[in-house]
C-alpha cells in the first residue's frame, strides 16, 4: 500500500471554515484510504468534519495531507485539487457567502 504526504496551501479568503471542511470530508470519504490532515502540531482524521474544522486553517496557511491505502494516489489528487480550487467557493461573492452562512445558521 502507498503512503503519500503532500503540502497544500489554503487559498480561499475565509480559510477552512464549516463549508470547506464539509467539502473536504465529502471528498475524503469517497476513498478507502486512511486520510490524515495536519496543521502545525495538530493531526486529525481527514474523514471527520469536527477534526478538520479543529485545524482552523486560515487563508495562506499550509496543511499537510497524508493518504495511506490502495487508492492513496487518487485520494491525494482529488484532495489537492479541491484545496487548490478554494473548496469550490472562490467564485462566490462576499454577499452570496454571507447569505449562505445566514441560511446555514438558521437551519442549525
Protein backbone atom coordinates (compact mmCIF):
# COMPACT_ATOMS: atom_id res chain seq x y z
CA UNK A 1 0.00 0.00 0.00
CA UNK A 2 1.14 3.50 -0.77
CA UNK A 3 1.60 6.27 1.76
CA UNK A 4 1.71 9.76 0.26
CA UNK A 5 2.17 13.07 2.05
CA UNK A 6 1.89 16.48 0.40
CA UNK A 7 1.65 20.11 1.48
CA UNK A 8 -1.32 22.22 0.39
CA UNK A 9 -1.87 25.96 0.82
CA UNK A 10 -5.29 27.23 1.84
CA UNK A 11 -6.20 29.82 -0.82
CA UNK A 12 -9.83 30.74 -0.19
CA UNK A 13 -10.16 34.01 1.76
CA UNK A 14 -12.21 32.58 4.64
CA UNK A 15 -9.97 29.57 5.18
CA UNK A 16 -11.18 26.09 6.05
CA UNK A 17 -14.41 27.00 7.86
CA UNK A 18 -17.50 24.77 8.02
CA UNK A 19 -18.39 24.62 4.32
CA UNK A 20 -14.86 23.86 3.05
CA UNK A 21 -14.34 21.35 5.86
CA UNK A 22 -17.55 19.58 4.81
CA UNK A 23 -16.40 19.53 1.17
CA UNK A 24 -13.02 18.11 2.21
CA UNK A 25 -14.64 15.35 4.28
CA UNK A 26 -17.13 14.57 1.49
CA UNK A 27 -14.28 14.04 -0.98
CA UNK A 28 -12.14 12.15 1.55
CA UNK A 29 -14.97 9.72 2.29
CA UNK A 30 -15.11 8.66 -1.37
CA UNK A 31 -11.86 6.77 -0.85
CA UNK A 32 -10.92 3.65 1.08
CA UNK A 33 -7.54 5.07 2.12
CA UNK A 34 -6.92 6.48 5.57
CA UNK A 35 -6.58 10.26 5.32
CA UNK A 36 -4.83 12.45 7.85
CA UNK A 37 -4.57 16.24 7.76
CA UNK A 38 -2.02 18.15 9.81
CA UNK A 39 -1.57 21.84 10.57
CA UNK A 40 1.27 22.80 12.86
CA UNK A 41 1.31 20.14 15.61
CA UNK A 42 -2.32 19.03 15.24
CA UNK A 43 -3.07 15.95 13.12
CA UNK A 44 -6.68 14.88 12.54
CA UNK A 45 -8.70 12.29 10.65
CA UNK A 46 -9.46 13.80 7.23
CA UNK A 47 -12.80 11.97 7.19
CA UNK A 48 -14.02 13.70 10.35
CA UNK A 49 -15.74 17.08 9.95
CA UNK A 50 -15.06 18.01 13.57
CA UNK A 51 -11.41 17.08 13.21
CA UNK A 52 -10.93 19.05 10.00
CA UNK A 53 -12.67 22.10 11.48
CA UNK A 54 -10.42 21.90 14.57
CA UNK A 55 -7.44 22.69 12.35
CA UNK A 56 -8.72 26.27 11.96
CA UNK A 57 -6.68 26.59 8.77
CA UNK A 58 -6.83 30.21 7.68
CA UNK A 59 -6.09 31.63 4.23
CA UNK A 60 -2.39 31.33 3.43
CA UNK A 61 -1.70 28.58 5.95
CA UNK A 62 -0.19 25.24 4.99
CA UNK A 63 -1.78 21.90 5.75
CA UNK A 64 -0.16 18.54 5.19
CA UNK A 65 -2.33 15.78 3.77
CA UNK A 66 -1.35 12.12 4.17
CA UNK A 67 -3.14 9.32 2.36
CA UNK A 68 -2.50 5.66 3.13
CA UNK A 69 -4.14 2.82 1.25
CA UNK A 70 -4.87 1.20 -2.07
CA UNK A 71 -6.35 4.36 -3.60
CA UNK A 72 -3.94 6.79 -1.90
CA UNK A 73 -2.78 8.41 -5.15
CA UNK A 74 -6.31 9.08 -6.39
CA UNK A 75 -7.36 10.38 -2.97
CA UNK A 76 -4.37 12.73 -2.81
CA UNK A 77 -5.03 14.03 -6.32
CA UNK A 78 -8.69 14.75 -5.54
CA UNK A 79 -7.96 16.44 -2.20
CA UNK A 80 -5.12 18.60 -3.56
CA UNK A 81 -7.35 19.70 -6.44
CA UNK A 82 -10.14 20.61 -4.00
CA UNK A 83 -7.82 22.70 -1.80
CA UNK A 84 -6.19 24.39 -4.82
CA UNK A 85 -9.66 25.26 -6.15
CA UNK A 86 -10.52 27.00 -2.88
CA UNK A 87 -13.07 24.31 -1.96
CA UNK A 88 -15.31 25.44 -4.86
CA UNK A 89 -16.04 28.78 -3.21
CA UNK A 90 -13.56 31.14 -4.86
CA UNK A 91 -16.24 32.24 -7.32
CA UNK A 92 -18.69 33.20 -4.59
CA UNK A 93 -19.14 36.86 -3.88
CA UNK A 94 -18.99 38.10 -0.31
CA UNK A 95 -22.74 38.79 -0.41
CA UNK A 96 -23.58 35.27 -1.55
CA UNK A 97 -21.27 33.76 1.09
CA UNK A 98 -22.95 35.86 3.78
CA UNK A 99 -26.42 34.83 2.58
CA UNK A 100 -25.44 31.15 2.57
CA UNK A 101 -23.86 31.44 6.03
CA UNK A 102 -27.01 33.10 7.43
CA UNK A 103 -29.19 30.43 5.86
CA UNK A 104 -26.98 27.67 7.32
CA UNK A 105 -27.13 29.25 10.78
CA UNK A 106 -30.93 29.46 10.63
CA UNK A 107 -31.12 25.77 9.74
CA UNK A 108 -28.77 24.69 12.53
